[in-house]
Amino acid sequence: MDIRQLEYFAEVAKQLSFTKAAAILHVSQPSISKAIQQLEAELDVPLFYRSSKQLELTDAGHAVLINTQQVLEAFKNIRSELTDLMELKKGKIRIGIPPIVGAEFFSKLVSQYKEHYPYVEIVLTEVGTKKIREGVESGDLDIGLICNLCVVNDYVEVISILKDPLMLIVHHEHPLARKETVDMIDLQHEMFVLYRKDFTLYDRIIEECSKNGFFPNIACESTQKDLMIEMVAAKLGIALLPKRICDKIQYNTIKAIPFKEENIYLELGMTWKKNKYLSYAVREFIALAYDFIPH
């Protein structure tokens, strides 16, 4: 058994396809098939159900996969630590960021980090908070910026960066534009331009509407704040956006209105995986982030 066999097995188990795994790993399919067969022969158990329709892990395959992931994680940690010991201050940081969030905090953080470490590559992935959490836990992301910090578990560390109340934005000709403050119940008959379902703010808004006895009428869902603002400007619905974003809206036709009771917030935080060796590049990024948190 060698690390190459385990890497091949883990990728086939992830893709449930020898062909897809071969393409991702840039090796031939016969090479992967042979490595898996050798692994099965050494362990004396079948790791996959092979049929013409679908590839599936056996019970033994599931058990081997759990341990394989731990071994591969440990192997990556060894390589990362050796790199740090040799003081090669290069590397890559994979960061997940919700596209709906204004980049004011994040862009300043990245800019200052790049001044100190210009040769570290920063790879950004724009997805919702739910997928960012999954990426951090699976190891596909090193760091994630997440909205709403209520979901905490034993696998990740989380630090809070800011807490920003949501405001209602409407077209200035909308009847609600005459109000100085609004209640959630005022929105029960409105068409919502809402966040996509993989955003935790989607869940929070649905939850708050339910507390007030209604489910929102949804005109459309989006990942982009600019599109949501344009939809409101076109009189296609109302939207709820963080105050920091509302304060920077440049449309004269849009009015931002605070809620009488601030029950929904954008809680922006940063997360990374516990019990995982963090490279020098990642550790320095986290340390710098602590300096950016308002005290």
C-alpha atoms as a PDB file:
ATOM      1  CA  MET A   1       0.000   0.000   0.000  1.00  0.00           C
ATOM      2  CA  ASP A   2       1.326   3.451  -0.921  1.00  0.00           C
ATOM      3  CA  ILE A   3       0.071   7.030  -0.781  1.00  0.00           C
ATOM      4  CA  ARG A   4      -0.596   7.054  -4.520  1.00  0.00           C
ATOM      5  CA  GLN A   5      -3.075   4.178  -4.215  1.00  0.00           C
ATOM      6  CA  LEU A   6      -4.878   5.979  -1.408  1.00  0.00           C
ATOM      7  CA  GLU A   7      -5.049   9.226  -3.416  1.00  0.00           C
ATOM      8  CA  TYR A   8      -6.516   7.336  -6.373  1.00  0.00           C
ATOM      9  CA  PHE A   9      -9.021   5.504  -4.168  1.00  0.00           C
ATOM     10  CA  ALA A  10     -10.157   8.731  -2.434  1.00  0.00           C
ATOM     11  CA  GLU A  11     -10.737  10.498  -5.750  1.00  0.00           C
ATOM     12  CA  VAL A  12     -12.675   7.580  -7.265  1.00  0.00           C
ATOM     13  CA  ALA A  13     -14.778   7.420  -4.092  1.00  0.00           C
ATOM     14  CA  LYS A  14     -15.451  11.159  -4.346  1.00  0.00           C
ATOM     15  CA  GLN A  15     -16.383  11.097  -8.042  1.00  0.00           C
ATOM     16  CA  LEU A  16     -17.892   7.576  -8.063  1.00  0.00           C
ATOM     17  CA  SER A  17     -16.332   7.294 -11.501  1.00  0.00           C
ATOM     18  CA  PHE A  18     -12.979   5.951 -12.674  1.00  0.00           C
ATOM     19  CA  THR A  19     -13.180   8.148 -15.783  1.00  0.00           C
ATOM     20  CA  LYS A  20     -13.794  11.396 -13.895  1.00  0.00           C
ATOM     21  CA  ALA A  21     -11.124  10.558 -11.306  1.00  0.00           C
ATOM     22  CA  ALA A  22      -8.591   9.849 -14.049  1.00  0.00           C
ATOM     23  CA  ALA A  23      -9.329  13.198 -15.700  1.00  0.00           C
ATOM     24  CA  ILE A  24      -8.978  15.131 -12.433  1.00  0.00           C
ATOM     25  CA  LEU A  25      -5.759  13.354 -11.438  1.00  0.00           C
ATOM     26  CA  HIS A  26      -4.345  13.549 -14.981  1.00  0.00           C
ATOM     27  CA  VAL A  27      -3.548   9.840 -15.149  1.00  0.00           C
ATOM     28  CA  SER A  28      -4.877   7.071 -17.346  1.00  0.00           C
ATOM     29  CA  GLN A  29      -7.970   5.149 -16.321  1.00  0.00           C
ATOM     30  CA  PRO A  30      -6.144   1.790 -16.518  1.00  0.00           C
ATOM     31  CA  SER A  31      -3.545   3.096 -14.052  1.00  0.00           C
ATOM     32  CA  ILE A  32      -6.249   4.020 -11.553  1.00  0.00           C
ATOM     33  CA  SER A  33      -8.106   0.730 -12.036  1.00  0.00           C
ATOM     34  CA  LYS A  34      -4.901  -1.244 -11.477  1.00  0.00           C
ATOM     35  CA  ALA A  35      -4.033   0.719  -8.334  1.00  0.00           C
ATOM     36  CA  ILE A  36      -7.531   0.120  -6.880  1.00  0.00           C
ATOM     37  CA  GLN A  37      -7.334  -3.592  -7.715  1.00  0.00           C
ATOM     38  CA  GLN A  38      -3.961  -3.830  -5.967  1.00  0.00           C
ATOM     39  CA  LEU A  39      -5.388  -2.060  -2.923  1.00  0.00           C
ATOM     40  CA  GLU A  40      -8.371  -4.403  -2.830  1.00  0.00           C
ATOM     41  CA  ALA A  41      -6.073  -7.418  -3.153  1.00  0.00           C
ATOM     42  CA  GLU A  42      -3.864  -6.197  -0.314  1.00  0.00           C
ATOM     43  CA  LEU A  43      -6.832  -5.484   1.964  1.00  0.00           C
ATOM     44  CA  ASP A  44      -8.623  -8.631   0.771  1.00  0.00           C
ATOM     45  CA  VAL A  45     -11.982  -6.814   0.455  1.00  0.00           C
ATOM     46  CA  PRO A  46     -13.903  -5.268  -2.448  1.00  0.00           C
ATOM     47  CA  LEU A  47     -14.041  -1.494  -2.099  1.00  0.00           C
ATOM     48  CA  PHE A  48     -16.610  -0.805  -4.830  1.00  0.00           C
ATOM     49  CA  TYR A  49     -19.749  -2.354  -6.258  1.00  0.00           C
ATOM     50  CA  ARG A  50     -19.081  -2.318  -9.992  1.00  0.00           C
ATOM     51  CA  SER A  51     -22.096  -2.399 -12.285  1.00  0.00           C
ATOM     52  CA  SER A  52     -22.865  -1.078 -15.752  1.00  0.00           C
ATOM     53  CA  LYS A  53     -25.058   1.667 -14.302  1.00  0.00           C
ATOM     54  CA  GLN A  54     -23.297   3.060 -11.253  1.00  0.00           C
ATOM     55  CA  LEU A  55     -20.204   2.721  -9.086  1.00  0.00           C
ATOM     56  CA  GLU A  56     -20.870   2.487  -5.338  1.00  0.00           C
ATOM     57  CA  LEU A  57     -18.743   2.071  -2.238  1.00  0.00           C
ATOM     58  CA  THR A  58     -19.115  -1.160  -0.313  1.00  0.00           C
ATOM     59  CA  ASP A  59     -19.394  -1.101   3.473  1.00  0.00           C
ATOM     60  CA  ALA A  60     -15.694  -1.935   3.595  1.00  0.00           C
ATOM     61  CA  GLY A  61     -15.071   0.870   1.106  1.00  0.00           C
ATOM     62  CA  HIS A  62     -16.782   3.394   3.386  1.00  0.00           C
ATOM     63  CA  ALA A  63     -14.650   2.262   6.330  1.00  0.00           C
ATOM     64  CA  VAL A  64     -11.440   2.440   4.289  1.00  0.00           C
ATOM     65  CA  LEU A  65     -12.397   5.887   2.942  1.00  0.00           C
ATOM     66  CA  ILE A  66     -12.702   7.388   6.440  1.00  0.00           C
ATOM     67  CA  ASN A  67      -9.217   6.195   7.356  1.00  0.00           C
ATOM     68  CA  THR A  68      -7.823   7.109   3.940  1.00  0.00           C
ATOM     69  CA  GLN A  69      -8.958  10.711   4.363  1.00  0.00           C
ATOM     70  CA  GLN A  70      -7.190  10.876   7.718  1.00  0.00           C
ATOM     71  CA  VAL A  71      -3.990   9.432   6.245  1.00  0.00           C
ATOM     72  CA  LEU A  72      -4.031  11.840   3.279  1.00  0.00           C
ATOM     73  CA  GLU A  73      -4.689  14.780   5.607  1.00  0.00           C
ATOM     74  CA  ALA A  74      -1.732  13.746   7.780  1.00  0.00           C
ATOM     75  CA  PHE A  75       0.458  13.372   4.688  1.00  0.00           C
ATOM     76  CA  LYS A  76      -0.479  16.877   3.489  1.00  0.00           C
ATOM     77  CA  ASN A  77       0.271  18.236   6.954  1.00  0.00           C
ATOM     78  CA  ILE A  78       3.757  16.682   6.863  1.00  0.00           C
ATOM     79  CA  ARG A  79       4.524  18.268   3.511  1.00  0.00           C
ATOM     80  CA  SER A  80       3.185  21.658   4.639  1.00  0.00           C
ATOM     81  CA  GLU A  81       5.145  21.589   7.873  1.00  0.00           C
ATOM     82  CA  LEU A  82       8.364  20.663   6.092  1.00  0.00           C
ATOM     83  CA  THR A  83       7.816  23.565   3.698  1.00  0.00           C
ATOM     84  CA  ASP A  84       7.429  25.926   6.647  1.00  0.00           C
ATOM     85  CA  LEU A  85      10.552  24.565   8.336  1.00  0.00           C
ATOM     86  CA  MET A  86      12.488  25.344   5.181  1.00  0.00           C
ATOM     87  CA  GLU A  87      11.053  28.896   5.400  1.00  0.00           C
ATOM     88  CA  LEU A  88       9.569  28.838   1.937  1.00  0.00           C
ATOM     89  CA  LYS A  89       7.116  31.659   2.571  1.00  0.00           C
ATOM     90  CA  LYS A  90       5.223  30.909  -0.600  1.00  0.00           C
ATOM     91  CA  GLY A  91       2.060  28.928  -1.064  1.00  0.00           C
ATOM     92  CA  LYS A  92      -1.620  29.173  -1.776  1.00  0.00           C
ATOM     93  CA  ILE A  93      -4.634  30.122   0.340  1.00  0.00           C
ATOM     94  CA  ARG A  94      -8.047  28.905  -0.816  1.00  0.00           C
ATOM     95  CA  ILE A  95     -10.746  31.207   0.546  1.00  0.00           C
ATOM     96  CA  GLY A  96     -14.521  31.006   0.224  1.00  0.00           C
ATOM     97  CA  ILE A  97     -16.412  34.297   0.233  1.00  0.00           C
ATOM     98  CA  PRO A  98     -20.165  34.985  -0.096  1.00  0.00           C
ATOM     99  CA  PRO A  99     -20.682  37.153  -3.198  1.00  0.00           C
ATOM    100  CA  ILE A 100     -23.591  38.999  -1.539  1.00  0.00           C
ATOM    101  CA  VAL A 101     -21.264  40.519   1.057  1.00  0.00           C
ATOM    102  CA  GLY A 102     -19.546  43.815   0.338  1.00  0.00           C
ATOM    103  CA  ALA A 103     -15.809  43.318  -0.043  1.00  0.00           C
ATOM    104  CA  GLU A 104     -14.841  46.412   1.974  1.00  0.00           C
ATOM    105  CA  PHE A 105     -13.405  44.489   4.939  1.00  0.00           C
ATOM    106  CA  PHE A 106     -12.038  41.653   2.872  1.00  0.00           C
ATOM    107  CA  SER A 107     -10.359  43.701   0.127  1.00  0.00           C
ATOM    108  CA  LYS A 108      -8.420  45.762   2.680  1.00  0.00           C
ATOM    109  CA  LEU A 109      -7.344  42.585   4.465  1.00  0.00           C
ATOM    110  CA  VAL A 110      -6.132  40.939   1.249  1.00  0.00           C
ATOM    111  CA  SER A 111      -4.361  44.114   0.142  1.00  0.00           C
ATOM    112  CA  GLN A 112      -2.363  44.381   3.375  1.00  0.00           C
ATOM    113  CA  TYR A 113      -1.602  40.652   3.362  1.00  0.00           C
ATOM    114  CA  LYS A 114      -0.240  40.827  -0.196  1.00  0.00           C
ATOM    115  CA  GLU A 115       2.046  43.682   0.849  1.00  0.00           C
ATOM    116  CA  HIS A 116       3.707  41.328   3.349  1.00  0.00           C
ATOM    117  CA  TYR A 117       3.515  38.137   1.259  1.00  0.00           C
ATOM    118  CA  PRO A 118       3.395  39.063  -2.436  1.00  0.00           C
ATOM    119  CA  TYR A 119       4.249  35.526  -3.591  1.00  0.00           C
ATOM    120  CA  VAL A 120       1.373  33.800  -1.805  1.00  0.00           C
ATOM    121  CA  GLU A 121      -1.417  32.985  -4.249  1.00  0.00           C
ATOM    122  CA  ILE A 122      -4.928  33.743  -2.975  1.00  0.00           C
ATOM    123  CA  VAL A 123      -7.669  31.760  -4.712  1.00  0.00           C
ATOM    124  CA  LEU A 124     -11.193  33.069  -4.103  1.00  0.00           C
ATOM    125  CA  THR A 125     -14.321  30.959  -4.492  1.00  0.00           C
ATOM    126  CA  GLU A 126     -17.639  32.831  -4.455  1.00  0.00           C
ATOM    127  CA  VAL A 127     -20.396  30.621  -3.032  1.00  0.00           C
ATOM    128  CA  GLY A 128     -22.973  30.783  -0.256  1.00  0.00           C
ATOM    129  CA  THR A 129     -22.174  30.268   3.409  1.00  0.00           C
ATOM    130  CA  LYS A 130     -23.525  26.698   3.473  1.00  0.00           C
ATOM    131  CA  LYS A 131     -21.156  25.585   0.715  1.00  0.00           C
ATOM    132  CA  ILE A 132     -18.296  27.514   2.314  1.00  0.00           C
ATOM    133  CA  ARG A 133     -18.788  25.590   5.571  1.00  0.00           C
ATOM    134  CA  GLU A 134     -18.826  22.322   3.622  1.00  0.00           C
ATOM    135  CA  GLY A 135     -15.634  23.331   1.794  1.00  0.00           C
ATOM    136  CA  VAL A 136     -13.805  24.191   5.022  1.00  0.00           C
ATOM    137  CA  GLU A 137     -14.875  20.945   6.719  1.00  0.00           C
ATOM    138  CA  SER A 138     -13.915  18.832   3.688  1.00  0.00           C
ATOM    139  CA  GLY A 139     -10.552  20.592   3.309  1.00  0.00           C
ATOM    140  CA  ASP A 140     -11.344  22.040  -0.134  1.00  0.00           C
ATOM    141  CA  LEU A 141     -11.086  25.533   1.394  1.00  0.00           C
ATOM    142  CA  ASP A 142      -8.482  26.753   3.890  1.00  0.00           C
ATOM    143  CA  ILE A 143     -10.521  29.692   5.163  1.00  0.00           C
ATOM    144  CA  GLY A 144     -14.114  30.799   4.738  1.00  0.00           C
ATOM    145  CA  LEU A 145     -15.911  34.072   5.270  1.00  0.00           C
ATOM    146  CA  ILE A 146     -19.364  33.121   6.494  1.00  0.00           C
ATOM    147  CA  CYS A 147     -22.618  34.916   7.194  1.00  0.00           C
ATOM    148  CA  ASN A 148     -24.483  34.119  10.412  1.00  0.00           C
ATOM    149  CA  LEU A 149     -22.403  32.320  13.019  1.00  0.00           C
ATOM    150  CA  CYS A 150     -25.141  30.354  14.793  1.00  0.00           C
ATOM    151  CA  VAL A 151     -24.054  26.970  13.379  1.00  0.00           C
ATOM    152  CA  VAL A 152     -20.946  25.966  15.341  1.00  0.00           C
ATOM    153  CA  ASN A 153     -19.494  22.456  15.591  1.00  0.00           C
ATOM    154  CA  ASP A 154     -16.442  20.621  16.876  1.00  0.00           C
ATOM    155  CA  TYR A 155     -14.722  20.596  13.477  1.00  0.00           C
ATOM    156  CA  VAL A 156     -14.175  24.305  12.818  1.00  0.00           C
ATOM    157  CA  GLU A 157     -12.942  27.468  14.499  1.00  0.00           C
ATOM    158  CA  VAL A 158     -14.995  30.638  14.018  1.00  0.00           C
ATOM    159  CA  ILE A 159     -14.199  34.273  14.817  1.00  0.00           C
ATOM    160  CA  SER A 160     -16.737  37.086  14.578  1.00  0.00           C
ATOM    161  CA  ILE A 161     -15.851  40.064  12.379  1.00  0.00           C
ATOM    162  CA  LEU A 162     -18.944  42.264  12.295  1.00  0.00           C
ATOM    163  CA  LYS A 163     -22.695  42.328  12.936  1.00  0.00           C
ATOM    164  CA  ASP A 164     -24.764  44.455  10.554  1.00  0.00           C
ATOM    165  CA  PRO A 165     -28.584  44.789  10.694  1.00  0.00           C
ATOM    166  CA  LEU A 166     -30.622  44.192   7.540  1.00  0.00           C
ATOM    167  CA  MET A 167     -32.666  47.051   6.124  1.00  0.00           C
ATOM    168  CA  LEU A 168     -35.587  47.080   3.710  1.00  0.00           C
ATOM    169  CA  ILE A 169     -35.008  48.640   0.294  1.00  0.00           C
ATOM    170  CA  VAL A 170     -37.975  49.715  -1.844  1.00  0.00           C
ATOM    171  CA  HIS A 171     -38.593  51.906  -4.880  1.00  0.00           C
ATOM    172  CA  HIS A 172     -39.220  55.468  -3.740  1.00  0.00           C
ATOM    173  CA  GLU A 173     -42.751  55.335  -5.241  1.00  0.00           C
ATOM    174  CA  HIS A 174     -43.626  52.235  -3.178  1.00  0.00           C
ATOM    175  CA  PRO A 175     -46.240  52.879  -0.431  1.00  0.00           C
ATOM    176  CA  LEU A 176     -43.771  51.647   2.233  1.00  0.00           C
ATOM    177  CA  ALA A 177     -41.312  54.377   1.195  1.00  0.00           C
ATOM    178  CA  ARG A 178     -43.392  56.823   3.251  1.00  0.00           C
ATOM    179  CA  LYS A 179     -42.536  54.950   6.462  1.00  0.00           C
ATOM    180  CA  GLU A 180     -39.571  55.832   8.667  1.00  0.00           C
ATOM    181  CA  THR A 181     -39.423  52.277  10.099  1.00  0.00           C
ATOM    182  CA  VAL A 182     -41.115  49.013   9.182  1.00  0.00           C
ATOM    183  CA  ASP A 183     -42.117  45.740  10.811  1.00  0.00           C
ATOM    184  CA  MET A 184     -41.690  42.368   9.134  1.00  0.00           C
ATOM    185  CA  ILE A 185     -45.483  41.929   9.078  1.00  0.00           C
ATOM    186  CA  ASP A 186     -45.668  44.968   6.760  1.00  0.00           C
ATOM    187  CA  LEU A 187     -44.020  42.815   4.072  1.00  0.00           C
ATOM    188  CA  GLN A 188     -46.451  39.900   4.043  1.00  0.00           C
ATOM    189  CA  HIS A 189     -48.015  40.853   0.676  1.00  0.00           C
ATOM    190  CA  GLU A 190     -44.811  42.026  -1.006  1.00  0.00           C
ATOM    191  CA  MET A 191     -42.750  40.298  -3.697  1.00  0.00           C
ATOM    192  CA  PHE A 192     -39.290  39.507  -2.318  1.00  0.00           C
ATOM    193  CA  VAL A 193     -36.036  39.679  -4.269  1.00  0.00           C
ATOM    194  CA  LEU A 194     -34.310  37.134  -2.062  1.00  0.00           C
ATOM    195  CA  TYR A 195     -30.960  35.511  -1.501  1.00  0.00           C
ATOM    196  CA  ARG A 196     -30.409  32.083  -3.039  1.00  0.00           C
ATOM    197  CA  LYS A 197     -31.203  29.028  -0.894  1.00  0.00           C
ATOM    198  CA  ASP A 198     -27.544  28.202  -0.179  1.00  0.00           C
ATOM    199  CA  PHE A 199     -27.200  31.499   1.707  1.00  0.00           C
ATOM    200  CA  THR A 200     -27.896  31.425   5.436  1.00  0.00           C
ATOM    201  CA  LEU A 201     -29.586  34.840   5.192  1.00  0.00           C
ATOM    202  CA  TYR A 202     -32.243  33.119   3.072  1.00  0.00           C
ATOM    203  CA  ASP A 203     -33.030  30.847   6.029  1.00  0.00           C
ATOM    204  CA  ARG A 204     -33.025  33.745   8.513  1.00  0.00           C
ATOM    205  CA  ILE A 205     -35.468  35.802   6.441  1.00  0.00           C
ATOM    206  CA  ILE A 206     -37.785  32.818   5.915  1.00  0.00           C
ATOM    207  CA  GLU A 207     -37.615  32.115   9.659  1.00  0.00           C
ATOM    208  CA  GLU A 208     -38.472  35.704  10.576  1.00  0.00           C
ATOM    209  CA  CYS A 209     -41.370  35.777   8.108  1.00  0.00           C
ATOM    210  CA  SER A 210     -42.691  32.521   9.592  1.00  0.00           C
ATOM    211  CA  LYS A 211     -42.571  34.045  13.072  1.00  0.00           C
ATOM    212  CA  ASN A 212     -44.884  36.735  11.733  1.00  0.00           C
ATOM    213  CA  GLY A 213     -47.301  34.217  10.243  1.00  0.00           C
ATOM    214  CA  PHE A 214     -46.484  34.259   6.542  1.00  0.00           C
ATOM    215  CA  PHE A 215     -44.202  32.789   3.904  1.00  0.00           C
ATOM    216  CA  PRO A 216     -42.690  35.390   1.567  1.00  0.00           C
ATOM    217  CA  ASN A 217     -43.779  35.685  -2.047  1.00  0.00           C
ATOM    218  CA  ILE A 218     -40.512  35.289  -3.943  1.00  0.00           C
ATOM    219  CA  ALA A 219     -40.060  37.157  -7.221  1.00  0.00           C
ATOM    220  CA  CYS A 220     -36.541  35.813  -7.778  1.00  0.00           C
ATOM    221  CA  GLU A 221     -33.419  34.611  -5.980  1.00  0.00           C
ATOM    222  CA  SER A 222     -29.910  35.945  -6.563  1.00  0.00           C
ATOM    223  CA  THR A 223     -26.321  35.713  -5.347  1.00  0.00           C
ATOM    224  CA  GLN A 224     -25.454  39.260  -6.414  1.00  0.00           C
ATOM    225  CA  LYS A 225     -26.348  42.349  -4.388  1.00  0.00           C
ATOM    226  CA  ASP A 226     -26.103  44.617  -7.451  1.00  0.00           C
ATOM    227  CA  LEU A 227     -28.721  42.565  -9.281  1.00  0.00           C
ATOM    228  CA  MET A 228     -31.009  42.623  -6.230  1.00  0.00           C
ATOM    229  CA  ILE A 229     -30.715  46.432  -6.084  1.00  0.00           C
ATOM    230  CA  GLU A 230     -31.432  46.743  -9.814  1.00  0.00           C
ATOM    231  CA  MET A 231     -34.516  44.533  -9.465  1.00  0.00           C
ATOM    232  CA  VAL A 232     -35.859  46.814  -6.727  1.00  0.00           C
ATOM    233  CA  ALA A 233     -35.070  49.887  -8.844  1.00  0.00           C
ATOM    234  CA  ALA A 234     -37.104  48.300 -11.653  1.00  0.00           C
ATOM    235  CA  LYS A 235     -40.100  47.920  -9.278  1.00  0.00           C
ATOM    236  CA  LEU A 236     -39.947  44.123  -9.461  1.00  0.00           C
ATOM    237  CA  GLY A 237     -39.967  43.633  -5.689  1.00  0.00           C
ATOM    238  CA  ILE A 238     -38.494  44.591  -2.337  1.00  0.00           C
ATOM    239  CA  ALA A 239     -35.251  43.306  -0.799  1.00  0.00           C
ATOM    240  CA  LEU A 240     -33.456  43.082   2.533  1.00  0.00           C
ATOM    241  CA  LEU A 241     -29.771  44.050   2.514  1.00  0.00           C
ATOM    242  CA  PRO A 242     -27.159  44.778   5.214  1.00  0.00           C
ATOM    243  CA  LYS A 243     -26.997  48.413   6.360  1.00  0.00           C
ATOM    244  CA  ARG A 244     -23.408  48.832   5.131  1.00  0.00           C
ATOM    245  CA  ILE A 245     -24.549  47.964   1.627  1.00  0.00           C
ATOM    246  CA  CYS A 246     -27.697  50.108   1.853  1.00  0.00           C
ATOM    247  CA  ASP A 247     -25.650  53.130   2.922  1.00  0.00           C
ATOM    248  CA  LYS A 248     -23.696  52.927  -0.358  1.00  0.00           C
ATOM    249  CA  ILE A 249     -26.634  52.494  -2.772  1.00  0.00           C
ATOM    250  CA  GLN A 250     -26.389  55.262  -5.373  1.00  0.00           C
ATOM    251  CA  TYR A 251     -29.848  54.904  -6.899  1.00  0.00           C
ATOM    252  CA  ASN A 252     -31.959  58.022  -6.232  1.00  0.00           C
ATOM    253  CA  THR A 253     -35.052  55.908  -6.879  1.00  0.00           C
ATOM    254  CA  ILE A 254     -34.399  53.569  -3.944  1.00  0.00           C
ATOM    255  CA  LYS A 255     -35.153  54.205  -0.286  1.00  0.00           C
ATOM    256  CA  ALA A 256     -33.626  52.166   2.538  1.00  0.00           C
ATOM    257  CA  ILE A 257     -35.793  51.777   5.638  1.00  0.00           C
ATOM    258  CA  PRO A 258     -34.673  50.337   8.995  1.00  0.00           C
ATOM    259  CA  PHE A 259     -36.758  47.788  10.874  1.00  0.00           C
ATOM    260  CA  LYS A 260     -38.411  48.965  14.072  1.00  0.00           C
ATOM    261  CA  GLU A 261     -36.899  45.941  15.800  1.00  0.00           C
ATOM    262  CA  GLU A 262     -33.549  44.758  14.483  1.00  0.00           C
ATOM    263  CA  ASN A 263     -34.077  40.985  14.507  1.00  0.00           C
ATOM    264  CA  ILE A 264     -32.097  39.991  11.402  1.00  0.00           C
ATOM    265  CA  TYR A 265     -28.399  40.670  11.045  1.00  0.00           C
ATOM    266  CA  LEU A 266     -25.613  39.888   8.646  1.00  0.00           C
ATOM    267  CA  GLU A 267     -23.104  38.316  11.017  1.00  0.00           C
ATOM    268  CA  LEU A 268     -19.830  38.105   9.148  1.00  0.00           C
ATOM    269  CA  GLY A 269     -17.197  35.751  10.503  1.00  0.00           C
ATOM    270  CA  MET A 270     -14.151  33.808   9.441  1.00  0.00           C
ATOM    271  CA  THR A 271     -13.788  30.056   9.839  1.00  0.00           C
ATOM    272  CA  TRP A 272     -11.143  27.363   9.391  1.00  0.00           C
ATOM    273  CA  LYS A 273     -10.839  23.692  10.246  1.00  0.00           C
ATOM    274  CA  LYS A 274      -9.843  22.556  13.730  1.00  0.00           C
ATOM    275  CA  ASN A 275      -7.189  19.926  14.354  1.00  0.00           C
ATOM    276  CA  LYS A 276      -5.632  20.516  10.957  1.00  0.00           C
ATOM    277  CA  TYR A 277      -2.116  21.689  10.301  1.00  0.00           C
ATOM    278  CA  LEU A 278      -2.356  25.233   8.956  1.00  0.00           C
ATOM    279  CA  SER A 279       0.379  26.412   6.625  1.00  0.00           C
ATOM    280  CA  TYR A 280       2.458  29.443   7.492  1.00  0.00           C
ATOM    281  CA  ALA A 281       0.584  31.431   4.813  1.00  0.00           C
ATOM    282  CA  VAL A 282      -2.818  30.560   6.302  1.00  0.00           C
ATOM    283  CA  ARG A 283      -1.714  31.202   9.895  1.00  0.00           C
ATOM    284  CA  GLU A 284      -0.441  34.649   8.971  1.00  0.00           C
ATOM    285  CA  PHE A 285      -3.691  35.457   7.176  1.00  0.00           C
ATOM    286  CA  ILE A 286      -5.703  34.526  10.281  1.00  0.00           C
ATOM    287  CA  ALA A 287      -3.391  36.562  12.516  1.00  0.00           C
ATOM    288  CA  LEU A 288      -3.826  39.597  10.284  1.00  0.00           C
ATOM    289  CA  ALA A 289      -7.603  39.141  10.300  1.00  0.00           C
ATOM    290  CA  TYR A 290      -7.622  39.409  14.106  1.00  0.00           C
ATOM    291  CA  ASP A 291      -5.987  42.838  13.770  1.00  0.00           C
ATOM    292  CA  PHE A 292      -8.793  43.951  11.425  1.00  0.00           C
ATOM    293  CA  ILE A 293     -11.616  43.043  13.803  1.00  0.00           C
ATOM    294  CA  PRO A 294     -13.119  46.163  15.429  1.00  0.00           C
ATOM    295  CA  HIS A 295     -12.316  46.228  19.145  1.00  0.00           C
END
